[in-house]
Amino acid sequence: MISLGAYEYNANHSNLLGSGAFAFVYKGRVTNKPDQPVAIKIMKKDQNMPKNKTLLSKEISVLKVTSNGVYLVMEYCNGGDLSEYLQGKVILPCSFLR
């Protein structure tokens, strides 16, 4: 188990929710509330970091910067990838987005 402030996760295949060009997303949990899942996005620090900072700043809700990388902790929503869900919908009502 990897501890990250008030959160923890296992960096193994069974907890991997997704990955992209710059990051991996793992299912984690609140340390003192093990039944409360979270999604933890991990961006490794590398030569692309300055370019990625602009993209990252648009989605920050909780940010933890360590010597190994940037961690973004979000509410875990079961049911798949948000972009795939949105592609399947023509128009989402405002009441759904709140």
PDB file of N, CA and C in Angstrom:
ATOM      1  N   MET A   1       0.847  -1.179   0.000  1.00  0.00           N
ATOM      2  CA  MET A   1       0.000   0.000   0.000  1.00  0.00           C
ATOM      3  C   MET A   1       0.892   1.242   0.000  1.00  0.00           C
ATOM      4  N   ILE A   2       0.622   2.153  -0.904  1.00  0.00           N
ATOM      5  CA  ILE A   2       1.363   3.408  -0.999  1.00  0.00           C
ATOM      6  C   ILE A   2       0.528   4.498  -0.341  1.00  0.00           C
ATOM      7  N   SER A   3       1.124   5.208   0.611  1.00  0.00           N
ATOM      8  CA  SER A   3       0.426   6.259   1.342  1.00  0.00           C
ATOM      9  C   SER A   3       0.686   7.600   0.679  1.00  0.00           C
ATOM     10  N   LEU A   4      -0.365   8.394   0.559  1.00  0.00           N
ATOM     11  CA  LEU A   4      -0.279   9.711  -0.061  1.00  0.00           C
ATOM     12  C   LEU A   4      -1.135  10.670   0.760  1.00  0.00           C
ATOM     13  N   GLY A   5      -0.574  11.169   1.843  1.00  0.00           N
ATOM     14  CA  GLY A   5      -1.333  12.040   2.739  1.00  0.00           C
ATOM     15  C   GLY A   5      -2.508  11.293   3.342  1.00  0.00           C
ATOM     16  N   ALA A   6      -3.712  11.767   3.089  1.00  0.00           N
ATOM     17  CA  ALA A   6      -4.931  11.161   3.634  1.00  0.00           C
ATOM     18  C   ALA A   6      -5.454  10.020   2.773  1.00  0.00           C
ATOM     19  N   TYR A   7      -4.687   9.624   1.748  1.00  0.00           N
ATOM     20  CA  TYR A   7      -5.135   8.603   0.801  1.00  0.00           C
ATOM     21  C   TYR A   7      -4.088   7.507   0.684  1.00  0.00           C
ATOM     22  N   GLU A   8      -4.522   6.354   0.162  1.00  0.00           N
ATOM     23  CA  GLU A   8      -3.593   5.253  -0.085  1.00  0.00           C
ATOM     24  C   GLU A   8      -4.092   4.429  -1.266  1.00  0.00           C
ATOM     25  N   TYR A   9      -3.144   3.746  -1.926  1.00  0.00           N
ATOM     26  CA  TYR A   9      -3.496   2.916  -3.074  1.00  0.00           C
ATOM     27  C   TYR A   9      -2.427   1.861  -3.287  1.00  0.00           C
ATOM     28  N   ASN A  10      -2.799   0.823  -4.022  1.00  0.00           N
ATOM     29  CA  ASN A  10      -1.861  -0.195  -4.473  1.00  0.00           C
ATOM     30  C   ASN A  10      -1.646   0.013  -5.962  1.00  0.00           C
ATOM     31  N   ALA A  11      -0.408   0.143  -6.371  1.00  0.00           N
ATOM     32  CA  ALA A  11      -0.091   0.349  -7.784  1.00  0.00           C
ATOM     33  C   ALA A  11       0.042  -1.004  -8.467  1.00  0.00           C
ATOM     34  N   ASN A  12      -1.081  -1.714  -8.581  1.00  0.00           N
ATOM     35  CA  ASN A  12      -1.064  -2.999  -9.277  1.00  0.00           C
ATOM     36  C   ASN A  12      -2.135  -3.007 -10.361  1.00  0.00           C
ATOM     37  N   HIS A  13      -2.083  -4.020 -11.207  1.00  0.00           N
ATOM     38  CA  HIS A  13      -2.968  -4.089 -12.370  1.00  0.00           C
ATOM     39  C   HIS A  13      -4.448  -4.110 -11.981  1.00  0.00           C
ATOM     40  N   SER A  14      -4.783  -4.782 -10.888  1.00  0.00           N
ATOM     41  CA  SER A  14      -6.198  -4.886 -10.508  1.00  0.00           C
ATOM     42  C   SER A  14      -6.784  -3.548 -10.053  1.00  0.00           C
ATOM     43  N   ASN A  15      -5.962  -2.610  -9.629  1.00  0.00           N
ATOM     44  CA  ASN A  15      -6.437  -1.287  -9.209  1.00  0.00           C
ATOM     45  C   ASN A  15      -6.275  -0.224 -10.288  1.00  0.00           C
ATOM     46  N   LEU A  16      -5.698  -0.594 -11.431  1.00  0.00           N
ATOM     47  CA  LEU A  16      -5.497   0.362 -12.518  1.00  0.00           C
ATOM     48  C   LEU A  16      -6.835   0.639 -13.206  1.00  0.00           C
ATOM     49  N   LEU A  17      -7.284   1.889 -13.158  1.00  0.00           N
ATOM     50  CA  LEU A  17      -8.545   2.276 -13.788  1.00  0.00           C
ATOM     51  C   LEU A  17      -8.346   2.712 -15.230  1.00  0.00           C
ATOM     52  N   GLY A  18      -7.179   3.267 -15.525  1.00  0.00           N
ATOM     53  CA  GLY A  18      -6.919   3.733 -16.875  1.00  0.00           C
ATOM     54  C   GLY A  18      -5.554   4.374 -16.978  1.00  0.00           C
ATOM     55  N   SER A  19      -5.156   4.633 -18.216  1.00  0.00           N
ATOM     56  CA  SER A  19      -3.870   5.287 -18.445  1.00  0.00           C
ATOM     57  C   SER A  19      -3.952   6.088 -19.732  1.00  0.00           C
ATOM     58  N   GLY A  20      -3.078   7.061 -19.822  1.00  0.00           N
ATOM     59  CA  GLY A  20      -3.007   7.897 -21.008  1.00  0.00           C
ATOM     60  C   GLY A  20      -1.563   8.188 -21.335  1.00  0.00           C
ATOM     61  N   ALA A  21      -1.359   9.161 -22.182  1.00  0.00           N
ATOM     62  CA  ALA A  21      -0.010   9.491 -22.623  1.00  0.00           C
ATOM     63  C   ALA A  21       0.864  10.002 -21.485  1.00  0.00           C
ATOM     64  N   PHE A  22       0.266  10.661 -20.492  1.00  0.00           N
ATOM     65  CA  PHE A  22       1.053  11.304 -19.451  1.00  0.00           C
ATOM     66  C   PHE A  22       0.788  10.796 -18.047  1.00  0.00           C
ATOM     67  N   ALA A  23      -0.195   9.913 -17.868  1.00  0.00           N
ATOM     68  CA  ALA A  23      -0.593   9.566 -16.502  1.00  0.00           C
ATOM     69  C   ALA A  23      -1.221   8.183 -16.406  1.00  0.00           C
ATOM     70  N   PHE A  24      -1.299   7.698 -15.174  1.00  0.00           N
ATOM     71  CA  PHE A  24      -2.017   6.478 -14.814  1.00  0.00           C
ATOM     72  C   PHE A  24      -3.054   6.854 -13.762  1.00  0.00           C
ATOM     73  N   VAL A  25      -4.196   6.149 -13.752  1.00  0.00           N
ATOM     74  CA  VAL A  25      -5.226   6.385 -12.739  1.00  0.00           C
ATOM     75  C   VAL A  25      -5.486   5.073 -12.011  1.00  0.00           C
ATOM     76  N   TYR A  26      -5.347   5.115 -10.679  1.00  0.00           N
ATOM     77  CA  TYR A  26      -5.561   3.936  -9.838  1.00  0.00           C
ATOM     78  C   TYR A  26      -6.741   4.163  -8.905  1.00  0.00           C
ATOM     79  N   LYS A  27      -7.418   3.082  -8.563  1.00  0.00           N
ATOM     80  CA  LYS A  27      -8.449   3.147  -7.536  1.00  0.00           C
ATOM     81  C   LYS A  27      -7.743   3.088  -6.191  1.00  0.00           C
ATOM     82  N   GLY A  28      -8.061   4.028  -5.327  1.00  0.00           N
ATOM     83  CA  GLY A  28      -7.481   4.077  -3.991  1.00  0.00           C
ATOM     84  C   GLY A  28      -8.583   4.217  -2.964  1.00  0.00           C
ATOM     85  N   ARG A  29      -8.206   4.683  -1.781  1.00  0.00           N
ATOM     86  CA  ARG A  29      -9.204   4.881  -0.727  1.00  0.00           C
ATOM     87  C   ARG A  29      -8.718   5.940   0.249  1.00  0.00           C
ATOM     88  N   VAL A  30      -9.667   6.467   1.006  1.00  0.00           N
ATOM     89  CA  VAL A  30      -9.341   7.396   2.079  1.00  0.00           C
ATOM     90  C   VAL A  30      -8.769   6.552   3.209  1.00  0.00           C
ATOM     91  N   THR A  31      -7.601   6.922   3.722  1.00  0.00           N
ATOM     92  CA  THR A  31      -6.898   6.102   4.710  1.00  0.00           C
ATOM     93  C   THR A  31      -7.743   5.808   5.939  1.00  0.00           C
ATOM     94  N   ASN A  32      -8.382   6.808   6.502  1.00  0.00           N
ATOM     95  CA  ASN A  32      -9.157   6.567   7.724  1.00  0.00           C
ATOM     96  C   ASN A  32     -10.611   6.171   7.449  1.00  0.00           C
ATOM     97  N   LYS A  33     -10.970   6.021   6.169  1.00  0.00           N
ATOM     98  CA  LYS A  33     -12.301   5.547   5.761  1.00  0.00           C
ATOM     99  C   LYS A  33     -12.115   4.529   4.638  1.00  0.00           C
ATOM    100  N   PRO A  34     -11.683   3.308   4.953  1.00  0.00           N
ATOM    101  CA  PRO A  34     -11.349   2.327   3.923  1.00  0.00           C
ATOM    102  C   PRO A  34     -12.486   1.980   2.969  1.00  0.00           C
ATOM    103  N   ASP A  35     -13.732   2.261   3.350  1.00  0.00           N
ATOM    104  CA  ASP A  35     -14.864   1.975   2.463  1.00  0.00           C
ATOM    105  C   ASP A  35     -15.167   3.114   1.496  1.00  0.00           C
ATOM    106  N   GLN A  36     -14.402   4.198   1.562  1.00  0.00           N
ATOM    107  CA  GLN A  36     -14.626   5.348   0.683  1.00  0.00           C
ATOM    108  C   GLN A  36     -13.575   5.356  -0.428  1.00  0.00           C
ATOM    109  N   PRO A  37     -13.946   4.894  -1.632  1.00  0.00           N
ATOM    110  CA  PRO A  37     -12.977   4.841  -2.728  1.00  0.00           C
ATOM    111  C   PRO A  37     -12.729   6.209  -3.352  1.00  0.00           C
ATOM    112  N   VAL A  38     -11.538   6.370  -3.907  1.00  0.00           N
ATOM    113  CA  VAL A  38     -11.167   7.566  -4.659  1.00  0.00           C
ATOM    114  C   VAL A  38     -10.412   7.123  -5.906  1.00  0.00           C
ATOM    115  N   ALA A  39     -10.313   8.011  -6.864  1.00  0.00           N
ATOM    116  CA  ALA A  39      -9.484   7.789  -8.044  1.00  0.00           C
ATOM    117  C   ALA A  39      -8.245   8.662  -7.888  1.00  0.00           C
ATOM    118  N   ILE A  40      -7.071   8.080  -8.094  1.00  0.00           N
ATOM    119  CA  ILE A  40      -5.814   8.807  -7.928  1.00  0.00           C
ATOM    120  C   ILE A  40      -5.080   8.825  -9.268  1.00  0.00           C
ATOM    121  N   LYS A  41      -4.943  10.027  -9.826  1.00  0.00           N
ATOM    122  CA  LYS A  41      -4.248  10.205 -11.099  1.00  0.00           C
ATOM    123  C   LYS A  41      -2.804  10.566 -10.806  1.00  0.00           C
ATOM    124  N   ILE A  42      -1.881   9.827 -11.405  1.00  0.00           N
ATOM    125  CA  ILE A  42      -0.455  10.016 -11.144  1.00  0.00           C
ATOM    126  C   ILE A  42       0.240  10.442 -12.431  1.00  0.00           C
ATOM    127  N   MET A  43       0.828  11.627 -12.392  1.00  0.00           N
ATOM    128  CA  MET A  43       1.622  12.122 -13.518  1.00  0.00           C
ATOM    129  C   MET A  43       3.074  12.127 -13.089  1.00  0.00           C
ATOM    130  N   LYS A  44       3.903  11.399 -13.794  1.00  0.00           N
ATOM    131  CA  LYS A  44       5.327  11.349 -13.477  1.00  0.00           C
ATOM    132  C   LYS A  44       5.997  12.647 -13.904  1.00  0.00           C
ATOM    133  N   LYS A  45       6.936  13.097 -13.092  1.00  0.00           N
ATOM    134  CA  LYS A  45       7.716  14.279 -13.461  1.00  0.00           C
ATOM    135  C   LYS A  45       8.719  13.862 -14.527  1.00  0.00           C
ATOM    136  N   ASP A  46       8.732  14.590 -15.622  1.00  0.00           N
ATOM    137  CA  ASP A  46       9.687  14.318 -16.692  1.00  0.00           C
ATOM    138  C   ASP A  46       9.884  15.583 -17.516  1.00  0.00           C
ATOM    139  N   GLN A  47      10.487  15.446 -18.670  1.00  0.00           N
ATOM    140  CA  GLN A  47      10.762  16.603 -19.509  1.00  0.00           C
ATOM    141  C   GLN A  47       9.488  17.243 -20.048  1.00  0.00           C
ATOM    142  N   ASN A  48       8.367  16.539 -20.051  1.00  0.00           N
ATOM    143  CA  ASN A  48       7.115  17.089 -20.556  1.00  0.00           C
ATOM    144  C   ASN A  48       6.313  17.836 -19.495  1.00  0.00           C
ATOM    145  N   MET A  49       6.784  17.873 -18.268  1.00  0.00           N
ATOM    146  CA  MET A  49       6.002  18.436 -17.177  1.00  0.00           C
ATOM    147  C   MET A  49       5.564  19.882 -17.417  1.00  0.00           C
ATOM    148  N   PRO A  50       6.406  20.804 -17.874  1.00  0.00           N
ATOM    149  CA  PRO A  50       5.927  22.176 -18.089  1.00  0.00           C
ATOM    150  C   PRO A  50       4.744  22.238 -19.054  1.00  0.00           C
ATOM    151  N   LYS A  51       4.773  21.442 -20.122  1.00  0.00           N
ATOM    152  CA  LYS A  51       3.683  21.423 -21.088  1.00  0.00           C
ATOM    153  C   LYS A  51       2.416  20.828 -20.464  1.00  0.00           C
ATOM    154  N   ASN A  52       2.583  19.813 -19.629  1.00  0.00           N
ATOM    155  CA  ASN A  52       1.446  19.139 -19.009  1.00  0.00           C
ATOM    156  C   ASN A  52       0.809  19.955 -17.896  1.00  0.00           C
ATOM    157  N   LYS A  53       1.539  20.890 -17.298  1.00  0.00           N
ATOM    158  CA  LYS A  53       0.994  21.693 -16.198  1.00  0.00           C
ATOM    159  C   LYS A  53      -0.252  22.453 -16.624  1.00  0.00           C
ATOM    160  N   THR A  54      -0.272  22.953 -17.837  1.00  0.00           N
ATOM    161  CA  THR A  54      -1.437  23.679 -18.324  1.00  0.00           C
ATOM    162  C   THR A  54      -2.650  22.767 -18.378  1.00  0.00           C
ATOM    163  N   LEU A  55      -2.476  21.556 -18.894  1.00  0.00           N
ATOM    164  CA  LEU A  55      -3.575  20.599 -18.951  1.00  0.00           C
ATOM    165  C   LEU A  55      -4.025  20.205 -17.558  1.00  0.00           C
ATOM    166  N   LEU A  56      -3.080  19.986 -16.673  1.00  0.00           N
ATOM    167  CA  LEU A  56      -3.397  19.544 -15.319  1.00  0.00           C
ATOM    168  C   LEU A  56      -4.159  20.601 -14.540  1.00  0.00           C
ATOM    169  N   SER A  57      -3.806  21.859 -14.713  1.00  0.00           N
ATOM    170  CA  SER A  57      -4.443  22.922 -13.931  1.00  0.00           C
ATOM    171  C   SER A  57      -5.933  23.031 -14.210  1.00  0.00           C
ATOM    172  N   LYS A  58      -6.388  22.530 -15.341  1.00  0.00           N
ATOM    173  CA  LYS A  58      -7.803  22.595 -15.686  1.00  0.00           C
ATOM    174  C   LYS A  58      -8.643  21.578 -14.925  1.00  0.00           C
ATOM    175  N   GLU A  59      -8.032  20.573 -14.311  1.00  0.00           N
ATOM    176  CA  GLU A  59      -8.814  19.525 -13.666  1.00  0.00           C
ATOM    177  C   GLU A  59      -8.470  19.306 -12.198  1.00  0.00           C
ATOM    178  N   ILE A  60      -7.769  20.239 -11.586  1.00  0.00           N
ATOM    179  CA  ILE A  60      -7.341  20.050 -10.197  1.00  0.00           C
ATOM    180  C   ILE A  60      -8.506  20.225  -9.230  1.00  0.00           C
ATOM    181  N   SER A  61      -8.693  19.237  -8.339  1.00  0.00           N
ATOM    182  CA  SER A  61      -9.593  19.435  -7.200  1.00  0.00           C
ATOM    183  C   SER A  61      -8.799  19.260  -5.914  1.00  0.00           C
ATOM    184  N   VAL A  62      -7.929  18.266  -5.871  1.00  0.00           N
ATOM    185  CA  VAL A  62      -7.006  18.074  -4.753  1.00  0.00           C
ATOM    186  C   VAL A  62      -5.675  17.706  -5.375  1.00  0.00           C
ATOM    187  N   LEU A  63      -4.631  18.443  -5.052  1.00  0.00           N
ATOM    188  CA  LEU A  63      -3.340  18.231  -5.693  1.00  0.00           C
ATOM    189  C   LEU A  63      -2.275  17.973  -4.652  1.00  0.00           C
ATOM    190  N   LYS A  64      -1.477  16.958  -4.893  1.00  0.00           N
ATOM    191  CA  LYS A  64      -0.348  16.637  -4.022  1.00  0.00           C
ATOM    192  C   LYS A  64       0.867  16.499  -4.920  1.00  0.00           C
ATOM    193  N   VAL A  65       1.888  17.323  -4.707  1.00  0.00           N
ATOM    194  CA  VAL A  65       3.117  17.252  -5.483  1.00  0.00           C
ATOM    195  C   VAL A  65       4.185  16.627  -4.601  1.00  0.00           C
ATOM    196  N   THR A  66       4.829  15.583  -5.101  1.00  0.00           N
ATOM    197  CA  THR A  66       5.907  14.926  -4.382  1.00  0.00           C
ATOM    198  C   THR A  66       7.150  14.956  -5.249  1.00  0.00           C
ATOM    199  N   SER A  67       8.220  14.409  -4.729  1.00  0.00           N
ATOM    200  CA  SER A  67       9.454  14.361  -5.518  1.00  0.00           C
ATOM    201  C   SER A  67       9.326  13.413  -6.706  1.00  0.00           C
ATOM    202  N   ASN A  68       8.359  12.497  -6.671  1.00  0.00           N
ATOM    203  CA  ASN A  68       8.187  11.519  -7.750  1.00  0.00           C
ATOM    204  C   ASN A  68       7.215  11.965  -8.827  1.00  0.00           C
ATOM    205  N   GLY A  69       6.321  12.881  -8.516  1.00  0.00           N
ATOM    206  CA  GLY A  69       5.340  13.281  -9.510  1.00  0.00           C
ATOM    207  C   GLY A  69       4.217  14.108  -8.931  1.00  0.00           C
ATOM    208  N   VAL A  70       3.184  14.255  -9.722  1.00  0.00           N
ATOM    209  CA  VAL A  70       2.012  15.022  -9.345  1.00  0.00           C
ATOM    210  C   VAL A  70       0.853  14.051  -9.175  1.00  0.00           C
ATOM    211  N   TYR A  71       0.122  14.188  -8.075  1.00  0.00           N
ATOM    212  CA  TYR A  71      -0.993  13.299  -7.770  1.00  0.00           C
ATOM    213  C   TYR A  71      -2.277  14.112  -7.706  1.00  0.00           C
ATOM    214  N   LEU A  72      -3.292  13.669  -8.408  1.00  0.00           N
ATOM    215  CA  LEU A  72      -4.596  14.303  -8.399  1.00  0.00           C
ATOM    216  C   LEU A  72      -5.591  13.296  -7.840  1.00  0.00           C
ATOM    217  N   VAL A  73      -6.235  13.629  -6.719  1.00  0.00           N
ATOM    218  CA  VAL A  73      -7.178  12.716  -6.076  1.00  0.00           C
ATOM    219  C   VAL A  73      -8.585  13.224  -6.340  1.00  0.00           C
ATOM    220  N   MET A  74      -9.431  12.334  -6.886  1.00  0.00           N
ATOM    221  CA  MET A  74     -10.796  12.702  -7.251  1.00  0.00           C
ATOM    222  C   MET A  74     -11.773  11.694  -6.676  1.00  0.00           C
ATOM    223  N   GLU A  75     -13.028  12.076  -6.633  1.00  0.00           N
ATOM    224  CA  GLU A  75     -14.077  11.149  -6.234  1.00  0.00           C
ATOM    225  C   GLU A  75     -14.105   9.986  -7.223  1.00  0.00           C
ATOM    226  N   TYR A  76     -14.221   8.769  -6.713  1.00  0.00           N
ATOM    227  CA  TYR A  76     -14.302   7.590  -7.570  1.00  0.00           C
ATOM    228  C   TYR A  76     -15.745   7.398  -8.011  1.00  0.00           C
ATOM    229  N   CYS A  77     -15.974   7.320  -9.298  1.00  0.00           N
ATOM    230  CA  CYS A  77     -17.308   7.096  -9.856  1.00  0.00           C
ATOM    231  C   CYS A  77     -17.289   5.789 -10.630  1.00  0.00           C
ATOM    232  N   ASN A  78     -17.978   4.808 -10.129  1.00  0.00           N
ATOM    233  CA  ASN A  78     -18.042   3.505 -10.775  1.00  0.00           C
ATOM    234  C   ASN A  78     -18.846   3.616 -12.068  1.00  0.00           C
ATOM    235  N   GLY A  79     -18.449   2.895 -13.081  1.00  0.00           N
ATOM    236  CA  GLY A  79     -19.252   2.880 -14.298  1.00  0.00           C
ATOM    237  C   GLY A  79     -18.496   3.191 -15.568  1.00  0.00           C
ATOM    238  N   GLY A  80     -17.195   3.353 -15.497  1.00  0.00           N
ATOM    239  CA  GLY A  80     -16.437   3.523 -16.722  1.00  0.00           C
ATOM    240  C   GLY A  80     -15.841   4.904 -16.912  1.00  0.00           C
ATOM    241  N   ASP A  81     -15.305   5.090 -18.082  1.00  0.00           N
ATOM    242  CA  ASP A  81     -14.587   6.295 -18.462  1.00  0.00           C
ATOM    243  C   ASP A  81     -15.558   7.423 -18.817  1.00  0.00           C
ATOM    244  N   LEU A  82     -15.331   8.622 -18.281  1.00  0.00           N
ATOM    245  CA  LEU A  82     -16.220   9.752 -18.525  1.00  0.00           C
ATOM    246  C   LEU A  82     -16.270  10.129 -19.998  1.00  0.00           C
ATOM    247  N   SER A  83     -15.141  10.131 -20.689  1.00  0.00           N
ATOM    248  CA  SER A  83     -15.148  10.529 -22.101  1.00  0.00           C
ATOM    249  C   SER A  83     -15.957   9.551 -22.949  1.00  0.00           C
ATOM    250  N   GLU A  84     -15.882   8.253 -22.646  1.00  0.00           N
ATOM    251  CA  GLU A  84     -16.691   7.271 -23.376  1.00  0.00           C
ATOM    252  C   GLU A  84     -18.174   7.485 -23.104  1.00  0.00           C
ATOM    253  N   TYR A  85     -18.513   7.810 -21.872  1.00  0.00           N
ATOM    254  CA  TYR A  85     -19.907   8.070 -21.515  1.00  0.00           C
ATOM    255  C   TYR A  85     -20.440   9.282 -22.273  1.00  0.00           C
ATOM    256  N   LEU A  86     -19.646  10.352 -22.297  1.00  0.00           N
ATOM    257  CA  LEU A  86     -20.084  11.575 -22.963  1.00  0.00           C
ATOM    258  C   LEU A  86     -20.211  11.399 -24.470  1.00  0.00           C
ATOM    259  N   GLN A  87     -19.373  10.552 -25.067  1.00  0.00           N
ATOM    260  CA  GLN A  87     -19.464  10.303 -26.503  1.00  0.00           C
ATOM    261  C   GLN A  87     -20.764   9.603 -26.865  1.00  0.00           C
ATOM    262  N   GLY A  88     -21.314   8.833 -25.938  1.00  0.00           N
ATOM    263  CA  GLY A  88     -22.557   8.113 -26.192  1.00  0.00           C
ATOM    264  C   GLY A  88     -23.796   8.950 -25.972  1.00  0.00           C
ATOM    265  N   LYS A  89     -23.650  10.165 -25.488  1.00  0.00           N
ATOM    266  CA  LYS A  89     -24.786  11.045 -25.205  1.00  0.00           C
ATOM    267  C   LYS A  89     -24.793  12.207 -26.187  1.00  0.00           C
ATOM    268  N   VAL A  90     -25.969  12.539 -26.693  1.00  0.00           N
ATOM    269  CA  VAL A  90     -26.074  13.672 -27.599  1.00  0.00           C
ATOM    270  C   VAL A  90     -26.112  14.977 -26.805  1.00  0.00           C
ATOM    271  N   ILE A  91     -27.068  15.096 -25.887  1.00  0.00           N
ATOM    272  CA  ILE A  91     -27.200  16.295 -25.065  1.00  0.00           C
ATOM    273  C   ILE A  91     -27.474  15.859 -23.633  1.00  0.00           C
ATOM    274  N   LEU A  92     -26.733  16.412 -22.698  1.00  0.00           N
ATOM    275  CA  LEU A  92     -26.966  16.126 -21.286  1.00  0.00           C
ATOM    276  C   LEU A  92     -27.756  17.275 -20.677  1.00  0.00           C
ATOM    277  N   PRO A  93     -28.855  16.983 -19.976  1.00  0.00           N
ATOM    278  CA  PRO A  93     -29.618  18.057 -19.340  1.00  0.00           C
ATOM    279  C   PRO A  93     -28.831  18.686 -18.196  1.00  0.00           C
ATOM    280  N   CYS A  94     -29.067  19.966 -17.944  1.00  0.00           N
ATOM    281  CA  CYS A  94     -28.366  20.679 -16.870  1.00  0.00           C
ATOM    282  C   CYS A  94     -28.558  20.000 -15.527  1.00  0.00           C
ATOM    283  N   SER A  95     -29.733  19.441 -15.276  1.00  0.00           N
ATOM    284  CA  SER A  95     -29.992  18.776 -13.993  1.00  0.00           C
ATOM    285  C   SER A  95     -29.078  17.569 -13.796  1.00  0.00           C
ATOM    286  N   PHE A  96     -28.662  16.934 -14.881  1.00  0.00           N
ATOM    287  CA  PHE A  96     -27.765  15.783 -14.806  1.00  0.00           C
ATOM    288  C   PHE A  96     -26.354  16.213 -14.435  1.00  0.00           C
ATOM    289  N   LEU A  97     -25.951  17.392 -14.838  1.00  0.00           N
ATOM    290  CA  LEU A  97     -24.583  17.867 -14.646  1.00  0.00           C
ATOM    291  C   LEU A  97     -24.323  18.412 -13.256  1.00  0.00           C
ATOM    292  N   ARG A  98     -25.317  18.603 -12.464  1.00  0.00           N
ATOM    293  CA  ARG A  98     -25.133  19.171 -11.131  1.00  0.00           C
ATOM    294  C   ARG A  98     -24.776  18.136 -10.132  1.00  0.00           C
TER     295      ARG A  98
END
